[in-house]
PDB file of all heavy atoms in Angstrom:
ATOM      1  N   LEU A   1       0.795  -1.297   0.015  1.00  0.00           N
ATOM      2  CA  LEU A   1      -0.009  -0.021  -0.058  1.00  0.00           C
ATOM      3  C   LEU A   1       0.829   1.260   0.071  1.00  0.00           C
ATOM      4  O   LEU A   1       0.660   2.192  -0.708  1.00  0.00           O
ATOM      5  CB  LEU A   1      -0.952  -0.004   1.178  1.00  0.00           C
ATOM      6  CG  LEU A   1      -2.136  -0.991   1.206  1.00  0.00           C
ATOM      7  CD1 LEU A   1      -2.760  -0.979   2.494  1.00  0.00           C
ATOM      8  CD2 LEU A   1      -3.019  -0.644   0.074  1.00  0.00           C
ATOM      9  N   GLY A   2       1.926   1.208   0.827  1.00  0.00           N
ATOM     10  CA  GLY A   2       2.758   2.376   0.856  1.00  0.00           C
ATOM     11  C   GLY A   2       3.496   2.648  -0.454  1.00  0.00           C
ATOM     12  O   GLY A   2       3.572   3.753  -0.922  1.00  0.00           O
ATOM     13  N   ALA A   3       3.925   1.549  -1.096  1.00  0.00           N
ATOM     14  CA  ALA A   3       4.529   1.714  -2.420  1.00  0.00           C
ATOM     15  C   ALA A   3       3.566   2.188  -3.442  1.00  0.00           C
ATOM     16  O   ALA A   3       3.825   3.173  -4.300  1.00  0.00           O
ATOM     17  CB  ALA A   3       5.022   0.357  -2.925  1.00  0.00           C
ATOM     18  N   ALA A   4       2.297   1.765  -3.252  1.00  0.00           N
ATOM     19  CA  ALA A   4       1.286   2.150  -4.231  1.00  0.00           C
ATOM     20  C   ALA A   4       0.886   3.608  -4.179  1.00  0.00           C
ATOM     21  O   ALA A   4       0.799   4.466  -5.123  1.00  0.00           O
ATOM     22  CB  ALA A   4      -0.028   1.395  -4.082  1.00  0.00           C
ATOM     23  N   VAL A   5       0.917   4.220  -2.888  1.00  0.00           N
ATOM     24  CA  VAL A   5       0.562   5.581  -2.566  1.00  0.00           C
ATOM     25  C   VAL A   5       1.799   6.413  -3.261  1.00  0.00           C
ATOM     26  O   VAL A   5       1.613   7.409  -3.833  1.00  0.00           O
ATOM     27  CB  VAL A   5       0.482   5.907  -1.198  1.00  0.00           C
ATOM     28  CG1 VAL A   5       0.406   7.375  -0.893  1.00  0.00           C
ATOM     29  CG2 VAL A   5      -0.801   5.129  -0.670  1.00  0.00           C
ATOM     30  N   LEU A   6       3.060   5.934  -2.916  1.00  0.00           N
ATOM     31  CA  LEU A   6       4.111   6.665  -3.385  1.00  0.00           C
ATOM     32  C   LEU A   6       4.152   6.824  -4.994  1.00  0.00           C
ATOM     33  O   LEU A   6       4.388   7.753  -5.589  1.00  0.00           O
ATOM     34  CB  LEU A   6       5.530   5.966  -2.959  1.00  0.00           C
ATOM     35  CG  LEU A   6       5.885   6.290  -1.519  1.00  0.00           C
ATOM     36  CD1 LEU A   6       7.150   5.597  -1.214  1.00  0.00           C
ATOM     37  CD2 LEU A   6       6.347   7.869  -1.454  1.00  0.00           C
ATOM     38  N   GLY A   7       3.701   5.594  -5.623  1.00  0.00           N
ATOM     39  CA  GLY A   7       3.699   5.542  -7.078  1.00  0.00           C
ATOM     40  C   GLY A   7       2.582   6.542  -7.545  1.00  0.00           C
ATOM     41  O   GLY A   7       2.677   6.939  -8.688  1.00  0.00           O
ATOM     42  N   MET A   8       1.563   6.712  -6.843  1.00  0.00           N
ATOM     43  CA  MET A   8       0.433   7.594  -7.272  1.00  0.00           C
ATOM     44  C   MET A   8       0.817   9.108  -7.230  1.00  0.00           C
ATOM     45  O   MET A   8       0.102   9.924  -7.915  1.00  0.00           O
ATOM     46  CB  MET A   8      -0.812   7.282  -6.492  1.00  0.00           C
ATOM     47  CG  MET A   8      -1.441   5.875  -6.758  1.00  0.00           C
ATOM     48  SD  MET A   8      -2.705   5.557  -5.425  1.00  0.00           S
ATOM     49  CE  MET A   8      -3.835   6.911  -5.656  1.00  0.00           C
ATOM     50  N   ILE A   9       1.811   9.407  -6.444  1.00  0.00           N
ATOM     51  CA  ILE A   9       2.034  10.876  -6.090  1.00  0.00           C
ATOM     52  C   ILE A   9       2.242  11.707  -7.385  1.00  0.00           C
ATOM     53  O   ILE A   9       1.654  12.696  -7.581  1.00  0.00           O
ATOM     54  CB  ILE A   9       3.125  11.046  -5.046  1.00  0.00           C
ATOM     55  CG1 ILE A   9       2.547  10.554  -3.629  1.00  0.00           C
ATOM     56  CG2 ILE A   9       3.636  12.416  -5.052  1.00  0.00           C
ATOM     57  CD1 ILE A   9       3.574  10.501  -2.592  1.00  0.00           C
ATOM     58  N   PRO A  10       3.192  11.208  -8.401  1.00  0.00           N
ATOM     59  CA  PRO A  10       3.426  12.077  -9.489  1.00  0.00           C
ATOM     60  C   PRO A  10       2.019  12.225 -10.404  1.00  0.00           C
ATOM     61  O   PRO A  10       1.931  13.265 -10.836  1.00  0.00           O
ATOM     62  CB  PRO A  10       4.591  11.304 -10.179  1.00  0.00           C
ATOM     63  CG  PRO A  10       5.274  10.514  -9.059  1.00  0.00           C
ATOM     64  CD  PRO A  10       4.052  10.142  -8.208  1.00  0.00           C
ATOM     65  N   ARG A  11       1.446  11.079 -10.440  1.00  0.00           N
ATOM     66  CA  ARG A  11       0.225  11.173 -11.350  1.00  0.00           C
ATOM     67  C   ARG A  11      -0.728  12.075 -10.602  1.00  0.00           C
ATOM     68  O   ARG A  11      -1.657  12.486 -11.341  1.00  0.00           O
ATOM     69  CB  ARG A  11      -0.327   9.758 -11.496  1.00  0.00           C
ATOM     70  CG  ARG A  11       0.594   8.865 -12.301  1.00  0.00           C
ATOM     71  CD  ARG A  11      -0.208   7.655 -12.767  1.00  0.00           C
ATOM     72  NE  ARG A  11      -0.572   6.726 -11.706  1.00  0.00           N
ATOM     73  CZ  ARG A  11       0.281   5.923 -11.121  1.00  0.00           C
ATOM     74  NH1 ARG A  11       1.584   5.693 -11.641  1.00  0.00           N
ATOM     75  NH2 ARG A  11      -0.195   4.989 -10.162  1.00  0.00           N
ATOM     76  N   ALA A  12      -0.774  12.169  -9.310  1.00  0.00           N
ATOM     77  CA  ALA A  12      -1.729  13.222  -8.699  1.00  0.00           C
ATOM     78  C   ALA A  12      -1.392  14.629  -8.822  1.00  0.00           C
ATOM     79  O   ALA A  12      -2.159  15.500  -8.406  1.00  0.00           O
ATOM     80  CB  ALA A  12      -1.849  12.824  -7.247  1.00  0.00           C
ATOM     81  N   GLY A  13      -0.231  14.896  -9.473  1.00  0.00           N
ATOM     82  CA  GLY A  13       0.149  16.280  -9.738  1.00  0.00           C
ATOM     83  C   GLY A  13       1.050  16.809  -8.743  1.00  0.00           C
ATOM     84  O   GLY A  13       1.410  18.081  -8.793  1.00  0.00           O
ATOM     85  N   PHE A  14       1.610  16.060  -7.804  1.00  0.00           N
ATOM     86  CA  PHE A  14       2.440  16.534  -6.832  1.00  0.00           C
ATOM     87  C   PHE A  14       4.002  16.575  -7.315  1.00  0.00           C
ATOM     88  O   PHE A  14       4.294  15.513  -7.991  1.00  0.00           O
ATOM     89  CB  PHE A  14       2.405  15.834  -5.490  1.00  0.00           C
ATOM     90  CG  PHE A  14       1.203  15.860  -4.828  1.00  0.00           C
ATOM     91  CD1 PHE A  14       0.543  14.637  -4.342  1.00  0.00           C
ATOM     92  CD2 PHE A  14       0.510  16.968  -4.612  1.00  0.00           C
ATOM     93  CE1 PHE A  14      -0.737  14.692  -3.702  1.00  0.00           C
ATOM     94  CE2 PHE A  14      -0.677  16.981  -3.905  1.00  0.00           C
ATOM     95  CZ  PHE A  14      -1.298  15.856  -3.538  1.00  0.00           C
ATOM     96  N   ALA A  15       4.655  17.538  -7.058  1.00  0.00           N
ATOM     97  CA  ALA A  15       6.106  17.593  -7.504  1.00  0.00           C
ATOM     98  C   ALA A  15       6.894  16.607  -6.547  1.00  0.00           C
ATOM     99  O   ALA A  15       6.549  16.385  -5.313  1.00  0.00           O
ATOM    100  CB  ALA A  15       6.620  18.869  -7.283  1.00  0.00           C
ATOM    101  N   ALA A  16       7.871  15.937  -7.206  1.00  0.00           N
ATOM    102  CA  ALA A  16       8.571  15.004  -6.473  1.00  0.00           C
ATOM    103  C   ALA A  16       9.620  15.713  -5.482  1.00  0.00           C
ATOM    104  O   ALA A  16       9.848  16.948  -5.669  1.00  0.00           O
ATOM    105  CB  ALA A  16       9.514  14.171  -7.529  1.00  0.00           C
ATOM    106  N   ALA A  17       9.945  15.029  -4.374  1.00  0.00           N
ATOM    107  CA  ALA A  17      10.862  15.596  -3.424  1.00  0.00           C
ATOM    108  C   ALA A  17      12.172  15.875  -4.236  1.00  0.00           C
ATOM    109  O   ALA A  17      12.728  15.300  -5.015  1.00  0.00           O
ATOM    110  CB  ALA A  17      11.180  14.592  -2.333  1.00  0.00           C
ATOM    111  N   PRO A  18      12.740  17.178  -3.787  1.00  0.00           N
ATOM    112  CA  PRO A  18      13.996  17.558  -4.278  1.00  0.00           C
ATOM    113  C   PRO A  18      15.133  16.534  -4.266  1.00  0.00           C
ATOM    114  O   PRO A  18      15.250  15.829  -3.082  1.00  0.00           O
ATOM    115  CB  PRO A  18      14.417  18.865  -3.527  1.00  0.00           C
ATOM    116  CG  PRO A  18      13.092  19.303  -2.923  1.00  0.00           C
ATOM    117  CD  PRO A  18      12.258  18.080  -2.711  1.00  0.00           C
ATOM    118  N   THR A  19      15.889  16.226  -5.240  1.00  0.00           N
ATOM    119  CA  THR A  19      17.037  15.377  -5.149  1.00  0.00           C
ATOM    120  C   THR A  19      18.191  15.970  -4.368  1.00  0.00           C
ATOM    121  O   THR A  19      18.423  17.059  -4.264  1.00  0.00           O
ATOM    122  CB  THR A  19      17.338  15.003  -6.484  1.00  0.00           C
ATOM    123  OG1 THR A  19      17.945  16.071  -7.291  1.00  0.00           O
ATOM    124  CG2 THR A  19      16.260  14.193  -7.289  1.00  0.00           C
ATOM    125  N   GLY A  20      19.094  15.055  -3.920  1.00  0.00           N
ATOM    126  CA  GLY A  20      20.324  15.472  -3.203  1.00  0.00           C
ATOM    127  C   GLY A  20      20.381  14.762  -1.883  1.00  0.00           C
ATOM    128  O   GLY A  20      19.562  13.971  -1.536  1.00  0.00           O
ATOM    129  N   PRO A  21      21.456  15.044  -1.110  1.00  0.00           N
ATOM    130  CA  PRO A  21      21.743  14.349   0.096  1.00  0.00           C
ATOM    131  C   PRO A  21      20.668  14.689   1.057  1.00  0.00           C
ATOM    132  O   PRO A  21      20.251  15.748   1.242  1.00  0.00           O
ATOM    133  CB  PRO A  21      23.056  14.944   0.604  1.00  0.00           C
ATOM    134  CG  PRO A  21      23.609  15.550  -0.722  1.00  0.00           C
ATOM    135  CD  PRO A  21      22.562  15.953  -1.521  1.00  0.00           C
ATOM    136  N   GLN A  22      20.071  13.548   1.755  1.00  0.00           N
ATOM    137  CA  GLN A  22      18.934  13.814   2.722  1.00  0.00           C
ATOM    138  C   GLN A  22      19.611  13.742   4.021  1.00  0.00           C
ATOM    139  O   GLN A  22      20.377  12.849   4.453  1.00  0.00           O
ATOM    140  CB  GLN A  22      17.900  12.759   2.432  1.00  0.00           C
ATOM    141  CG  GLN A  22      16.588  12.910   3.346  1.00  0.00           C
ATOM    142  CD  GLN A  22      15.578  11.989   3.141  1.00  0.00           C
ATOM    143  OE1 GLN A  22      15.802  10.986   2.528  1.00  0.00           O
ATOM    144  NE2 GLN A  22      14.365  12.156   3.600  1.00  0.00           N
ATOM    145  N   MET A  23      19.082  14.640   4.880  1.00  0.00           N
ATOM    146  CA  MET A  23      19.549  14.613   6.202  1.00  0.00           C
ATOM    147  C   MET A  23      19.047  13.384   6.988  1.00  0.00           C
ATOM    148  O   MET A  23      17.965  12.946   6.761  1.00  0.00           O
ATOM    149  CB  MET A  23      18.988  15.922   6.961  1.00  0.00           C
ATOM    150  CG  MET A  23      19.485  16.199   8.370  1.00  0.00           C
ATOM    151  SD  MET A  23      18.683  17.634   9.020  1.00  0.00           S
ATOM    152  CE  MET A  23      19.291  18.894   7.710  1.00  0.00           C
ATOM    153  N   THR A  24      19.857  12.761   7.918  1.00  0.00           N
ATOM    154  CA  THR A  24      19.386  11.648   8.700  1.00  0.00           C
ATOM    155  C   THR A  24      18.352  12.165   9.691  1.00  0.00           C
ATOM    156  O   THR A  24      18.465  13.290  10.011  1.00  0.00           O
ATOM    157  CB  THR A  24      20.503  10.988   9.404  1.00  0.00           C
ATOM    158  OG1 THR A  24      20.992  11.801  10.400  1.00  0.00           O
ATOM    159  CG2 THR A  24      21.798  10.644   8.406  1.00  0.00           C
ATOM    160  N   PRO A  25      17.342  11.256  10.194  1.00  0.00           N
ATOM    161  CA  PRO A  25      16.445  11.619  11.107  1.00  0.00           C
ATOM    162  C   PRO A  25      17.206  12.043  12.346  1.00  0.00           C
ATOM    163  O   PRO A  25      16.739  13.091  12.897  1.00  0.00           O
ATOM    164  CB  PRO A  25      15.788  10.215  11.285  1.00  0.00           C
ATOM    165  CG  PRO A  25      15.869   9.509   9.984  1.00  0.00           C
ATOM    166  CD  PRO A  25      17.182   9.833   9.466  1.00  0.00           C
ATOM    167  N   ALA A  26      18.245  11.523  12.890  1.00  0.00           N
ATOM    168  CA  ALA A  26      18.904  11.971  14.048  1.00  0.00           C
ATOM    169  C   ALA A  26      19.483  13.387  13.867  1.00  0.00           C
ATOM    170  O   ALA A  26      19.411  14.135  14.694  1.00  0.00           O
ATOM    171  CB  ALA A  26      20.029  10.953  14.420  1.00  0.00           C
ATOM    172  N   ASP A  27      20.104  13.614  12.681  1.00  0.00           N
ATOM    173  CA  ASP A  27      20.625  14.891  12.379  1.00  0.00           C
ATOM    174  C   ASP A  27      19.492  16.101  12.378  1.00  0.00           C
ATOM    175  O   ASP A  27      19.529  17.069  12.837  1.00  0.00           O
ATOM    176  CB  ASP A  27      21.300  15.026  10.985  1.00  0.00           C
ATOM    177  CG  ASP A  27      22.631  14.261  11.110  1.00  0.00           C
ATOM    178  OD1 ASP A  27      23.142  14.044  12.401  1.00  0.00           O
ATOM    179  OD2 ASP A  27      23.226  13.886  10.185  1.00  0.00           O
ATOM    180  N   ALA A  28      18.325  15.555  11.803  1.00  0.00           N
ATOM    181  CA  ALA A  28      17.193  16.433  11.718  1.00  0.00           C
ATOM    182  C   ALA A  28      16.597  16.888  13.142  1.00  0.00           C
ATOM    183  O   ALA A  28      16.439  18.113  13.343  1.00  0.00           O
ATOM    184  CB  ALA A  28      16.003  15.881  10.940  1.00  0.00           C
ATOM    185  N   VAL A  29      16.418  15.841  13.903  1.00  0.00           N
ATOM    186  CA  VAL A  29      16.031  16.207  15.370  1.00  0.00           C
ATOM    187  C   VAL A  29      17.113  17.018  16.007  1.00  0.00           C
ATOM    188  O   VAL A  29      16.749  18.030  16.811  1.00  0.00           O
ATOM    189  CB  VAL A  29      15.887  14.830  16.108  1.00  0.00           C
ATOM    190  CG1 VAL A  29      15.478  15.116  17.606  1.00  0.00           C
ATOM    191  CG2 VAL A  29      14.795  14.075  15.563  1.00  0.00           C
ATOM    192  N   GLN A  30      18.448  16.802  15.888  1.00  0.00           N
ATOM    193  CA  GLN A  30      19.469  17.604  16.514  1.00  0.00           C
ATOM    194  C   GLN A  30      19.321  19.125  16.018  1.00  0.00           C
ATOM    195  O   GLN A  30      19.550  20.011  16.767  1.00  0.00           O
ATOM    196  CB  GLN A  30      20.743  16.987  16.235  1.00  0.00           C
ATOM    197  CG  GLN A  30      21.950  17.703  16.995  1.00  0.00           C
ATOM    198  CD  GLN A  30      21.676  17.583  18.495  1.00  0.00           C
ATOM    199  OE1 GLN A  30      21.503  16.439  19.086  1.00  0.00           O
ATOM    200  NE2 GLN A  30      21.720  18.813  19.205  1.00  0.00           N
ATOM    201  N   ARG A  31      19.148  19.316  14.723  1.00  0.00           N
ATOM    202  CA  ARG A  31      19.104  20.596  14.208  1.00  0.00           C
ATOM    203  C   ARG A  31      17.826  21.230  14.725  1.00  0.00           C
ATOM    204  O   ARG A  31      18.007  22.554  15.093  1.00  0.00           O
ATOM    205  CB  ARG A  31      18.882  20.579  12.608  1.00  0.00           C
ATOM    206  CG  ARG A  31      18.960  21.865  11.965  1.00  0.00           C
ATOM    207  CD  ARG A  31      19.059  21.699  10.468  1.00  0.00           C
ATOM    208  NE  ARG A  31      18.882  22.893   9.717  1.00  0.00           N
ATOM    209  CZ  ARG A  31      18.856  23.061   8.499  1.00  0.00           C
ATOM    210  NH1 ARG A  31      18.976  21.962   7.698  1.00  0.00           N
ATOM    211  NH2 ARG A  31      18.804  24.161   7.882  1.00  0.00           N
ATOM    212  N   MET A  32      16.760  20.676  15.066  1.00  0.00           N
ATOM    213  CA  MET A  32      15.688  21.284  15.623  1.00  0.00           C
ATOM    214  C   MET A  32      16.015  21.699  17.111  1.00  0.00           C
ATOM    215  O   MET A  32      15.726  22.815  17.586  1.00  0.00           O
ATOM    216  CB  MET A  32      14.413  20.339  15.729  1.00  0.00           C
ATOM    217  CG  MET A  32      13.847  20.051  14.335  1.00  0.00           C
ATOM    218  SD  MET A  32      12.947  21.357  13.545  1.00  0.00           S
ATOM    219  CE  MET A  32      11.428  21.284  14.371  1.00  0.00           C
ATOM    220  N   MET A  33      16.654  20.754  17.832  1.00  0.00           N
ATOM    221  CA  MET A  33      16.973  21.088  19.323  1.00  0.00           C
ATOM    222  C   MET A  33      18.098  22.138  19.370  1.00  0.00           C
ATOM    223  O   MET A  33      17.963  22.981  20.307  1.00  0.00           O
ATOM    224  CB  MET A  33      17.448  19.788  19.964  1.00  0.00           C
ATOM    225  CG  MET A  33      16.322  18.739  19.842  1.00  0.00           C
ATOM    226  SD  MET A  33      14.730  19.210  20.576  1.00  0.00           S
ATOM    227  CE  MET A  33      15.198  19.397  22.200  1.00  0.00           C
ATOM    228  N   ASP A  34      18.993  22.240  18.414  1.00  0.00           N
ATOM    229  CA  ASP A  34      20.059  23.248  18.378  1.00  0.00           C
ATOM    230  C   ASP A  34      19.311  24.639  18.173  1.00  0.00           C
ATOM    231  O   ASP A  34      19.681  25.591  18.785  1.00  0.00           O
ATOM    232  CB  ASP A  34      20.971  23.090  17.283  1.00  0.00           C
ATOM    233  CG  ASP A  34      21.967  21.922  17.572  1.00  0.00           C
ATOM    234  OD1 ASP A  34      22.022  21.363  18.768  1.00  0.00           O
ATOM    235  OD2 ASP A  34      22.613  21.348  16.595  1.00  0.00           O
ATOM    236  N   GLY A  35      18.289  24.662  17.390  1.00  0.00           N
ATOM    237  CA  GLY A  35      17.723  25.780  17.044  1.00  0.00           C
ATOM    238  C   GLY A  35      16.862  26.436  18.328  1.00  0.00           C
ATOM    239  O   GLY A  35      16.798  27.525  18.624  1.00  0.00           O
ATOM    240  N   ASN A  36      16.202  25.342  18.944  1.00  0.00           N
ATOM    241  CA  ASN A  36      15.657  25.711  20.191  1.00  0.00           C
ATOM    242  C   ASN A  36      16.571  26.391  21.289  1.00  0.00           C
ATOM    243  O   ASN A  36      16.208  27.155  22.093  1.00  0.00           O
ATOM    244  CB  ASN A  36      14.832  24.574  20.851  1.00  0.00           C
ATOM    245  CG  ASN A  36      14.108  24.889  22.096  1.00  0.00           C
ATOM    246  OD1 ASN A  36      14.461  24.315  23.166  1.00  0.00           O
ATOM    247  ND2 ASN A  36      13.191  25.788  22.151  1.00  0.00           N
ATOM    248  N   ALA A  37      17.706  25.744  21.396  1.00  0.00           N
ATOM    249  CA  ALA A  37      18.806  26.284  22.346  1.00  0.00           C
ATOM    250  C   ALA A  37      19.030  27.675  21.980  1.00  0.00           C
ATOM    251  O   ALA A  37      19.232  28.538  22.949  1.00  0.00           O
ATOM    252  CB  ALA A  37      19.951  25.250  22.305  1.00  0.00           C
ATOM    253  N   ARG A  38      19.221  28.048  20.661  1.00  0.00           N
ATOM    254  CA  ARG A  38      19.372  29.421  20.323  1.00  0.00           C
ATOM    255  C   ARG A  38      18.230  30.290  20.786  1.00  0.00           C
ATOM    256  O   ARG A  38      18.378  31.447  21.154  1.00  0.00           O
ATOM    257  CB  ARG A  38      19.588  29.540  18.826  1.00  0.00           C
ATOM    258  CG  ARG A  38      21.013  28.905  18.329  1.00  0.00           C
ATOM    259  CD  ARG A  38      21.223  29.297  16.893  1.00  0.00           C
ATOM    260  NE  ARG A  38      20.314  28.876  15.935  1.00  0.00           N
ATOM    261  CZ  ARG A  38      20.297  27.654  15.369  1.00  0.00           C
ATOM    262  NH1 ARG A  38      21.074  26.689  15.628  1.00  0.00           N
ATOM    263  NH2 ARG A  38      19.319  27.407  14.497  1.00  0.00           N
ATOM    264  N   PHE A  39      17.025  29.784  20.594  1.00  0.00           N
ATOM    265  CA  PHE A  39      15.761  30.504  20.986  1.00  0.00           C
ATOM    266  C   PHE A  39      15.797  30.791  22.511  1.00  0.00           C
ATOM    267  O   PHE A  39      15.597  32.016  22.939  1.00  0.00           O
ATOM    268  CB  PHE A  39      14.527  29.696  20.637  1.00  0.00           C
ATOM    269  CG  PHE A  39      13.212  30.324  21.024  1.00  0.00           C
ATOM    270  CD1 PHE A  39      12.695  31.466  20.527  1.00  0.00           C
ATOM    271  CD2 PHE A  39      12.566  29.733  22.232  1.00  0.00           C
ATOM    272  CE1 PHE A  39      11.488  31.939  20.915  1.00  0.00           C
ATOM    273  CE2 PHE A  39      11.352  30.282  22.581  1.00  0.00           C
ATOM    274  CZ  PHE A  39      10.791  31.347  21.948  1.00  0.00           C
TER     275      PHE A  39
END
């Protein structure tokens, strides 16, 4: 089902996710927490 939904996205008119290096989940969480520390 997940694969089917992903396959339907371009046909539904949504732009594909930008290509390039993707941040890891751990790095994304750390980036959020670093931003909160600055706040």
